[in-house]
Amino acid sequence: MVADLVSPGNYELVKQGMRMNIVPTGRLEWPPPYKTATEKYAPQVRLNDKAELENYVAGQPFPLLDPNDPQVASKVMWNFSFRPQYTDDVDIRDVEVSSYRADSTAGPVEHFTIGHFAFYNSIGRTEVAPIPTDPEATGAGIRYRFGAFPFSNPPKSRDLA
């Protein structure tokens, strides 16, 4: 059953008629610029004694992990932090957001629209200039910028008791 394969939120959507196209699993390749940056810069990346990243430029900081390395957990988290999840910049408009209770069939708990959602990475940039860093932002100690505004269609909360 699909309930065992998807999140509770997606299961609610399926119950309401959402169609899902189920395909065989496959390998998801890194974007070529990210892969190139990993190959170029990963050899110089290190962790200091506080597990802080040093000499990072772009790409995945630690593509090869040794499970016996005492810093492997920190390296896994740095890899997660600099994963190829999205591009250098994200700028989208009119994002609709709905939330549901897992045991509810009465519709969303809340629904609203975010007029403008934006994300800007200052370091580790591989596709959009300035590459690999934005010197203005990094000089000010800013790793990334994020914004979500305005919220319209204010949420109408339902009684959850």
N, C-alpha and C. Protein backbone atom coordinates (compact mmCIF):
# COMPACT_ATOMS: atom_id res chain seq x y z
N MET A 1 0.84 -1.18 0.00
CA MET A 1 0.00 0.00 0.00
C MET A 1 0.88 1.24 0.00
N VAL A 2 0.41 2.30 -0.60
CA VAL A 2 1.18 3.53 -0.74
C VAL A 2 1.46 4.18 0.62
N ALA A 3 0.64 3.97 1.62
CA ALA A 3 0.84 4.57 2.95
C ALA A 3 2.19 4.17 3.54
N ASP A 4 2.68 3.00 3.19
CA ASP A 4 3.97 2.53 3.70
C ASP A 4 5.15 3.10 2.92
N LEU A 5 4.88 3.79 1.81
CA LEU A 5 5.94 4.27 0.94
C LEU A 5 6.11 5.77 0.90
N VAL A 6 5.15 6.52 1.41
CA VAL A 6 5.20 7.98 1.32
C VAL A 6 5.01 8.61 2.70
N SER A 7 5.30 9.90 2.77
CA SER A 7 5.12 10.63 4.03
C SER A 7 3.63 10.77 4.33
N PRO A 8 3.29 11.05 5.59
CA PRO A 8 1.87 11.24 5.93
C PRO A 8 1.21 12.36 5.11
N GLY A 9 1.95 13.44 4.86
CA GLY A 9 1.39 14.54 4.06
C GLY A 9 1.08 14.11 2.63
N ASN A 10 2.00 13.37 2.03
CA ASN A 10 1.75 12.88 0.67
C ASN A 10 0.63 11.85 0.65
N TYR A 11 0.53 11.04 1.70
CA TYR A 11 -0.55 10.06 1.76
C TYR A 11 -1.90 10.77 1.79
N GLU A 12 -2.00 11.86 2.56
CA GLU A 12 -3.24 12.65 2.57
C GLU A 12 -3.59 13.14 1.18
N LEU A 13 -2.58 13.62 0.46
CA LEU A 13 -2.83 14.11 -0.90
C LEU A 13 -3.28 12.99 -1.83
N VAL A 14 -2.69 11.81 -1.69
CA VAL A 14 -3.10 10.65 -2.51
C VAL A 14 -4.55 10.30 -2.21
N LYS A 15 -4.94 10.31 -0.93
CA LYS A 15 -6.33 10.01 -0.57
C LYS A 15 -7.30 11.02 -1.18
N GLN A 16 -6.81 12.23 -1.41
CA GLN A 16 -7.66 13.27 -1.99
C GLN A 16 -7.61 13.27 -3.52
N GLY A 17 -6.89 12.30 -4.10
CA GLY A 17 -6.90 12.18 -5.55
C GLY A 17 -5.61 12.51 -6.26
N MET A 18 -4.57 12.90 -5.53
CA MET A 18 -3.30 13.19 -6.20
C MET A 18 -2.77 11.92 -6.86
N ARG A 19 -2.34 12.06 -8.09
CA ARG A 19 -1.76 10.94 -8.82
C ARG A 19 -0.25 10.96 -8.65
N MET A 20 0.33 9.78 -8.56
CA MET A 20 1.79 9.66 -8.44
C MET A 20 2.28 8.78 -9.58
N ASN A 21 3.35 9.21 -10.21
CA ASN A 21 3.99 8.43 -11.25
C ASN A 21 5.16 7.69 -10.61
N ILE A 22 5.00 6.40 -10.36
CA ILE A 22 6.03 5.61 -9.70
C ILE A 22 6.94 5.04 -10.78
N VAL A 23 8.24 5.30 -10.64
CA VAL A 23 9.22 4.85 -11.63
C VAL A 23 10.30 4.03 -10.92
N PRO A 24 11.02 3.23 -11.68
CA PRO A 24 12.10 2.47 -11.06
C PRO A 24 13.17 3.41 -10.48
N THR A 25 13.83 2.96 -9.43
CA THR A 25 14.91 3.76 -8.87
C THR A 25 16.06 3.82 -9.85
N GLY A 26 16.84 4.83 -9.72
CA GLY A 26 18.00 4.99 -10.60
C GLY A 26 19.02 5.90 -9.94
N ARG A 27 20.16 5.98 -10.52
CA ARG A 27 21.23 6.82 -9.99
C ARG A 27 20.97 8.27 -10.37
N LEU A 28 21.08 9.14 -9.40
CA LEU A 28 20.93 10.56 -9.63
C LEU A 28 22.32 11.16 -9.67
N GLU A 29 22.72 11.65 -10.81
CA GLU A 29 24.06 12.21 -10.98
C GLU A 29 24.12 13.64 -10.47
N TRP A 30 25.29 14.02 -9.98
CA TRP A 30 25.51 15.40 -9.59
C TRP A 30 25.52 16.29 -10.82
N PRO A 31 25.12 17.54 -10.68
CA PRO A 31 25.25 18.47 -11.81
C PRO A 31 26.73 18.56 -12.20
N PRO A 32 27.05 18.58 -13.50
CA PRO A 32 28.46 18.59 -13.93
C PRO A 32 29.32 19.69 -13.27
N PRO A 33 28.83 20.94 -13.12
CA PRO A 33 29.69 21.93 -12.46
C PRO A 33 30.01 21.58 -11.00
N TYR A 34 29.06 20.98 -10.29
CA TYR A 34 29.27 20.57 -8.91
C TYR A 34 30.30 19.44 -8.85
N LYS A 35 30.18 18.47 -9.76
CA LYS A 35 31.13 17.36 -9.81
C LYS A 35 32.54 17.86 -10.11
N THR A 36 32.66 18.77 -11.05
CA THR A 36 33.96 19.34 -11.40
C THR A 36 34.56 20.08 -10.21
N ALA A 37 33.74 20.87 -9.51
CA ALA A 37 34.22 21.60 -8.33
C ALA A 37 34.67 20.63 -7.23
N THR A 38 33.94 19.54 -7.06
CA THR A 38 34.32 18.54 -6.05
C THR A 38 35.69 17.96 -6.38
N GLU A 39 35.87 17.57 -7.63
CA GLU A 39 37.15 16.98 -8.05
C GLU A 39 38.29 17.98 -7.89
N LYS A 40 38.03 19.25 -8.18
CA LYS A 40 39.07 20.28 -8.13
C LYS A 40 39.44 20.69 -6.71
N TYR A 41 38.44 20.89 -5.85
CA TYR A 41 38.68 21.51 -4.55
C TYR A 41 38.70 20.56 -3.36
N ALA A 42 38.08 19.39 -3.44
CA ALA A 42 37.99 18.51 -2.27
C ALA A 42 39.35 18.13 -1.68
N PRO A 43 40.38 17.92 -2.50
CA PRO A 43 41.67 17.52 -1.90
C PRO A 43 42.25 18.53 -0.90
N GLN A 44 41.86 19.78 -0.98
CA GLN A 44 42.43 20.80 -0.09
C GLN A 44 41.60 21.03 1.17
N VAL A 45 40.40 20.45 1.27
CA VAL A 45 39.50 20.72 2.40
C VAL A 45 39.93 19.92 3.62
N ARG A 46 39.88 20.58 4.76
CA ARG A 46 40.24 19.96 6.04
C ARG A 46 39.26 20.41 7.11
N LEU A 47 39.26 19.68 8.22
CA LEU A 47 38.56 20.11 9.43
C LEU A 47 39.61 20.48 10.46
N ASN A 48 39.38 21.58 11.18
CA ASN A 48 40.30 21.92 12.25
C ASN A 48 39.92 21.16 13.51
N ASP A 49 40.59 21.46 14.62
CA ASP A 49 40.34 20.71 15.85
C ASP A 49 38.97 20.97 16.46
N LYS A 50 38.25 21.99 15.95
CA LYS A 50 36.89 22.27 16.40
C LYS A 50 35.86 21.75 15.39
N ALA A 51 36.32 20.96 14.41
CA ALA A 51 35.48 20.39 13.35
C ALA A 51 34.90 21.47 12.44
N GLU A 52 35.59 22.61 12.35
CA GLU A 52 35.19 23.68 11.43
C GLU A 52 35.85 23.45 10.09
N LEU A 53 35.14 23.79 9.04
CA LEU A 53 35.63 23.59 7.68
C LEU A 53 36.72 24.60 7.35
N GLU A 54 37.81 24.11 6.75
CA GLU A 54 38.89 24.98 6.31
C GLU A 54 39.20 24.70 4.84
N ASN A 55 39.51 25.74 4.10
CA ASN A 55 39.92 25.67 2.69
C ASN A 55 38.81 25.21 1.76
N TYR A 56 37.55 25.33 2.17
CA TYR A 56 36.44 24.95 1.29
C TYR A 56 36.23 26.04 0.24
N VAL A 57 36.01 25.62 -1.01
CA VAL A 57 35.73 26.56 -2.09
C VAL A 57 34.37 26.24 -2.71
N ALA A 58 34.18 25.01 -3.18
CA ALA A 58 32.92 24.61 -3.82
C ALA A 58 32.89 23.10 -3.96
N GLY A 59 31.71 22.55 -4.29
CA GLY A 59 31.53 21.12 -4.46
C GLY A 59 31.33 20.43 -3.12
N GLN A 60 31.41 19.11 -3.13
CA GLN A 60 31.27 18.35 -1.89
C GLN A 60 32.61 18.36 -1.16
N PRO A 61 32.62 18.78 0.10
CA PRO A 61 33.90 18.90 0.81
C PRO A 61 34.65 17.57 0.97
N PHE A 62 33.92 16.50 1.29
CA PHE A 62 34.57 15.22 1.59
C PHE A 62 33.91 14.08 0.81
N PRO A 63 34.26 13.92 -0.47
CA PRO A 63 33.59 12.88 -1.27
C PRO A 63 33.98 11.46 -0.88
N LEU A 64 35.12 11.28 -0.25
CA LEU A 64 35.55 9.95 0.19
C LEU A 64 35.61 9.94 1.71
N LEU A 65 34.82 9.08 2.32
CA LEU A 65 34.74 9.02 3.77
C LEU A 65 35.26 7.68 4.28
N ASP A 66 36.00 7.74 5.37
CA ASP A 66 36.50 6.55 6.04
C ASP A 66 35.71 6.38 7.33
N PRO A 67 34.95 5.30 7.48
CA PRO A 67 34.15 5.12 8.70
C PRO A 67 34.98 5.06 9.98
N ASN A 68 36.28 4.81 9.85
CA ASN A 68 37.16 4.76 11.03
C ASN A 68 37.76 6.11 11.39
N ASP A 69 37.53 7.12 10.56
CA ASP A 69 38.03 8.47 10.82
C ASP A 69 37.29 9.04 12.03
N PRO A 70 38.00 9.53 13.04
CA PRO A 70 37.32 10.09 14.22
C PRO A 70 36.47 11.32 13.90
N GLN A 71 36.70 11.96 12.75
CA GLN A 71 35.92 13.13 12.36
C GLN A 71 34.86 12.80 11.30
N VAL A 72 34.59 11.53 11.07
CA VAL A 72 33.68 11.16 9.99
C VAL A 72 32.28 11.74 10.18
N ALA A 73 31.78 11.79 11.40
CA ALA A 73 30.43 12.33 11.62
C ALA A 73 30.37 13.81 11.22
N SER A 74 31.38 14.57 11.59
CA SER A 74 31.42 15.99 11.20
C SER A 74 31.53 16.12 9.69
N LYS A 75 32.30 15.28 9.06
CA LYS A 75 32.45 15.34 7.60
C LYS A 75 31.13 15.01 6.90
N VAL A 76 30.41 14.05 7.42
CA VAL A 76 29.09 13.72 6.86
C VAL A 76 28.17 14.94 6.94
N MET A 77 28.19 15.62 8.06
CA MET A 77 27.33 16.80 8.22
C MET A 77 27.76 17.94 7.31
N TRP A 78 29.07 18.14 7.12
CA TRP A 78 29.52 19.17 6.17
C TRP A 78 29.12 18.79 4.76
N ASN A 79 29.20 17.52 4.40
CA ASN A 79 28.74 17.08 3.08
C ASN A 79 27.25 17.37 2.91
N PHE A 80 26.49 17.12 3.96
CA PHE A 80 25.05 17.40 3.91
C PHE A 80 24.81 18.90 3.74
N SER A 81 25.57 19.69 4.45
CA SER A 81 25.40 21.14 4.41
C SER A 81 25.70 21.71 3.02
N PHE A 82 26.67 21.13 2.34
CA PHE A 82 27.06 21.61 1.01
C PHE A 82 26.67 20.63 -0.10
N ARG A 83 25.54 19.95 0.09
CA ARG A 83 25.07 18.98 -0.91
C ARG A 83 24.56 19.70 -2.16
N PRO A 84 24.47 18.98 -3.26
CA PRO A 84 23.97 19.61 -4.50
C PRO A 84 22.44 19.59 -4.56
N GLN A 85 21.82 20.20 -3.56
CA GLN A 85 20.36 20.16 -3.46
C GLN A 85 19.70 21.12 -4.45
N TYR A 86 20.28 22.23 -4.66
CA TYR A 86 19.72 23.25 -5.53
C TYR A 86 20.87 24.05 -6.12
N THR A 87 20.55 24.94 -6.98
CA THR A 87 21.58 25.75 -7.62
C THR A 87 22.05 26.85 -6.68
N ASP A 88 22.85 27.75 -7.18
CA ASP A 88 23.41 28.83 -6.38
C ASP A 88 22.36 29.82 -5.92
N ASP A 89 21.35 30.02 -6.74
CA ASP A 89 20.30 30.99 -6.44
C ASP A 89 18.94 30.34 -6.71
N VAL A 90 17.97 30.64 -5.86
CA VAL A 90 16.59 30.22 -6.08
C VAL A 90 15.74 31.46 -5.95
N ASP A 91 14.84 31.67 -6.90
CA ASP A 91 13.96 32.84 -6.84
C ASP A 91 12.64 32.42 -7.47
N ILE A 92 11.64 32.14 -6.64
CA ILE A 92 10.34 31.70 -7.15
C ILE A 92 9.23 32.57 -6.57
N ARG A 93 8.12 32.61 -7.27
CA ARG A 93 7.00 33.46 -6.87
C ARG A 93 5.75 32.63 -6.65
N ASP A 94 4.87 33.13 -5.79
CA ASP A 94 3.55 32.56 -5.54
C ASP A 94 3.60 31.08 -5.17
N VAL A 95 4.37 30.77 -4.13
CA VAL A 95 4.50 29.41 -3.63
C VAL A 95 3.32 29.12 -2.70
N GLU A 96 2.55 28.09 -3.01
CA GLU A 96 1.41 27.72 -2.16
C GLU A 96 1.84 26.67 -1.16
N VAL A 97 1.42 26.86 0.09
CA VAL A 97 1.79 25.96 1.17
C VAL A 97 0.53 25.51 1.89
N SER A 98 0.41 24.19 2.10
CA SER A 98 -0.70 23.63 2.86
C SER A 98 -0.14 22.64 3.87
N SER A 99 -0.76 22.57 5.03
CA SER A 99 -0.35 21.57 6.01
C SER A 99 -1.59 20.80 6.45
N TYR A 100 -1.37 19.52 6.75
CA TYR A 100 -2.46 18.62 7.10
C TYR A 100 -2.09 17.83 8.34
N ARG A 101 -3.09 17.42 9.09
CA ARG A 101 -2.89 16.46 10.17
C ARG A 101 -2.91 15.07 9.57
N ALA A 102 -2.11 14.18 10.10
CA ALA A 102 -2.02 12.84 9.55
C ALA A 102 -3.34 12.09 9.63
N ASP A 103 -4.15 12.34 10.65
CA ASP A 103 -5.38 11.58 10.83
C ASP A 103 -6.62 12.36 10.40
N SER A 104 -6.44 13.43 9.61
CA SER A 104 -7.57 14.28 9.25
C SER A 104 -7.95 14.12 7.79
N THR A 105 -9.24 14.10 7.52
CA THR A 105 -9.72 14.10 6.15
C THR A 105 -10.53 15.35 5.86
N ALA A 106 -10.51 16.31 6.77
CA ALA A 106 -11.34 17.51 6.66
C ALA A 106 -10.66 18.66 5.93
N GLY A 107 -9.57 18.40 5.24
CA GLY A 107 -8.90 19.46 4.51
C GLY A 107 -7.70 19.99 5.29
N PRO A 108 -7.05 21.01 4.73
CA PRO A 108 -5.82 21.50 5.34
C PRO A 108 -6.06 22.20 6.67
N VAL A 109 -5.08 22.10 7.55
CA VAL A 109 -5.08 22.85 8.80
C VAL A 109 -4.88 24.31 8.47
N GLU A 110 -3.97 24.58 7.54
CA GLU A 110 -3.74 25.94 7.08
C GLU A 110 -3.28 25.93 5.63
N HIS A 111 -3.51 27.03 4.96
CA HIS A 111 -3.11 27.18 3.56
C HIS A 111 -2.78 28.66 3.35
N PHE A 112 -1.63 28.92 2.75
CA PHE A 112 -1.25 30.30 2.47
C PHE A 112 -0.33 30.33 1.26
N THR A 113 -0.09 31.51 0.76
CA THR A 113 0.78 31.71 -0.38
C THR A 113 1.94 32.62 0.04
N ILE A 114 3.14 32.24 -0.35
CA ILE A 114 4.31 33.10 -0.15
C ILE A 114 4.55 33.79 -1.49
N GLY A 115 4.44 35.09 -1.51
CA GLY A 115 4.56 35.85 -2.75
C GLY A 115 5.93 35.74 -3.40
N HIS A 116 6.99 35.70 -2.60
CA HIS A 116 8.35 35.67 -3.14
C HIS A 116 9.23 34.87 -2.20
N PHE A 117 9.83 33.81 -2.72
CA PHE A 117 10.75 32.96 -1.97
C PHE A 117 12.10 33.03 -2.67
N ALA A 118 13.16 33.36 -1.94
CA ALA A 118 14.48 33.46 -2.55
C ALA A 118 15.56 32.93 -1.61
N PHE A 119 16.57 32.33 -2.22
CA PHE A 119 17.72 31.78 -1.50
C PHE A 119 18.95 32.10 -2.32
N TYR A 120 20.01 32.56 -1.67
CA TYR A 120 21.24 32.95 -2.36
C TYR A 120 22.43 32.42 -1.58
N ASN A 121 23.20 31.51 -2.18
CA ASN A 121 24.42 31.01 -1.56
C ASN A 121 25.55 31.98 -1.83
N SER A 122 26.33 32.30 -0.81
CA SER A 122 27.47 33.20 -0.98
C SER A 122 28.75 32.44 -1.29
N ILE A 123 28.84 31.18 -0.82
CA ILE A 123 30.04 30.37 -1.08
C ILE A 123 29.63 29.04 -1.69
N GLY A 124 30.59 28.39 -2.33
CA GLY A 124 30.32 27.10 -2.95
C GLY A 124 29.53 27.21 -4.24
N ARG A 125 29.54 28.37 -4.87
CA ARG A 125 28.77 28.62 -6.09
C ARG A 125 29.43 27.89 -7.26
N THR A 126 28.63 27.19 -8.06
CA THR A 126 29.19 26.43 -9.19
C THR A 126 28.54 26.74 -10.53
N GLU A 127 27.43 27.50 -10.54
CA GLU A 127 26.72 27.67 -11.80
C GLU A 127 26.38 29.12 -12.16
N VAL A 128 26.22 29.98 -11.18
CA VAL A 128 25.80 31.35 -11.46
C VAL A 128 26.85 32.31 -10.90
N ALA A 129 27.31 33.26 -11.73
CA ALA A 129 28.32 34.22 -11.29
C ALA A 129 27.76 35.04 -10.12
N PRO A 130 28.62 35.39 -9.18
CA PRO A 130 30.06 35.16 -9.14
C PRO A 130 30.40 33.75 -8.66
N ILE A 131 31.36 33.11 -9.31
CA ILE A 131 31.79 31.74 -9.01
C ILE A 131 33.24 31.81 -8.53
N PRO A 132 33.63 31.12 -7.47
CA PRO A 132 32.86 30.24 -6.58
C PRO A 132 32.31 30.97 -5.36
N THR A 133 32.68 32.25 -5.17
CA THR A 133 32.18 32.97 -4.00
C THR A 133 31.72 34.35 -4.39
N ASP A 134 30.88 34.91 -3.55
CA ASP A 134 30.47 36.30 -3.68
C ASP A 134 31.32 37.07 -2.67
N PRO A 135 32.37 37.76 -3.13
CA PRO A 135 33.30 38.38 -2.18
C PRO A 135 32.65 39.41 -1.26
N GLU A 136 31.64 40.11 -1.74
CA GLU A 136 30.97 41.11 -0.91
C GLU A 136 30.30 40.44 0.29
N ALA A 137 29.59 39.34 0.03
CA ALA A 137 28.87 38.65 1.09
C ALA A 137 29.82 37.90 2.01
N THR A 138 30.78 37.18 1.44
CA THR A 138 31.70 36.41 2.29
C THR A 138 32.60 37.32 3.10
N GLY A 139 32.94 38.50 2.55
CA GLY A 139 33.72 39.47 3.31
C GLY A 139 32.97 39.94 4.54
N ALA A 140 31.66 39.92 4.46
CA ALA A 140 30.82 40.31 5.60
C ALA A 140 30.46 39.11 6.47
N GLY A 141 31.00 37.92 6.14
CA GLY A 141 30.74 36.73 6.93
C GLY A 141 29.38 36.10 6.68
N ILE A 142 28.80 36.34 5.50
CA ILE A 142 27.47 35.82 5.18
C ILE A 142 27.61 34.59 4.30
N ARG A 143 27.16 33.44 4.80
CA ARG A 143 27.22 32.19 4.01
C ARG A 143 26.09 32.12 3.00
N TYR A 144 24.89 32.52 3.39
CA TYR A 144 23.76 32.52 2.47
C TYR A 144 22.73 33.53 2.94
N ARG A 145 21.84 33.89 2.03
CA ARG A 145 20.72 34.76 2.36
C ARG A 145 19.45 34.04 1.97
N PHE A 146 18.41 34.30 2.75
CA PHE A 146 17.13 33.63 2.53
C PHE A 146 16.02 34.62 2.81
N GLY A 147 14.97 34.55 2.02
CA GLY A 147 13.82 35.40 2.28
C GLY A 147 12.54 34.74 1.81
N ALA A 148 11.47 34.95 2.53
CA ALA A 148 10.15 34.45 2.16
C ALA A 148 9.14 35.51 2.58
N PHE A 149 8.55 36.20 1.61
CA PHE A 149 7.65 37.31 1.90
C PHE A 149 6.86 37.67 0.66
N PRO A 150 5.79 38.36 0.68
CA PRO A 150 4.88 38.44 1.82
C PRO A 150 4.04 37.17 1.89
N PHE A 151 3.48 36.93 3.05
CA PHE A 151 2.55 35.82 3.21
C PHE A 151 1.15 36.37 2.95
N SER A 152 0.47 35.81 1.99
CA SER A 152 -0.90 36.25 1.71
C SER A 152 -1.86 35.10 1.97
N ASN A 153 -3.14 35.36 1.84
CA ASN A 153 -4.17 34.39 2.21
C ASN A 153 -3.87 33.88 3.61
N PRO A 154 -3.93 34.75 4.62
CA PRO A 154 -3.54 34.35 5.97
C PRO A 154 -4.14 33.00 6.35
N PRO A 155 -3.36 32.19 7.04
CA PRO A 155 -3.85 30.86 7.41
C PRO A 155 -5.08 30.93 8.29
N LYS A 156 -6.02 30.05 8.02
CA LYS A 156 -7.22 29.92 8.84
C LYS A 156 -7.08 28.62 9.61
N SER A 157 -6.66 28.73 10.84
CA SER A 157 -6.43 27.54 11.65
C SER A 157 -7.74 26.89 12.04
N ARG A 158 -7.72 25.57 12.03
CA ARG A 158 -8.88 24.81 12.49
C ARG A 158 -8.65 24.37 13.91
N ASP A 159 -9.71 24.06 14.60
CA ASP A 159 -9.61 23.55 15.95
C ASP A 159 -9.01 22.14 15.87
N LEU A 160 -7.85 21.95 16.47
CA LEU A 160 -7.17 20.65 16.39
C LEU A 160 -7.45 19.76 17.60
N ALA A 161 -8.26 20.25 18.52
CA ALA A 161 -8.54 19.45 19.73
C ALA A 161 -9.47 18.30 19.43
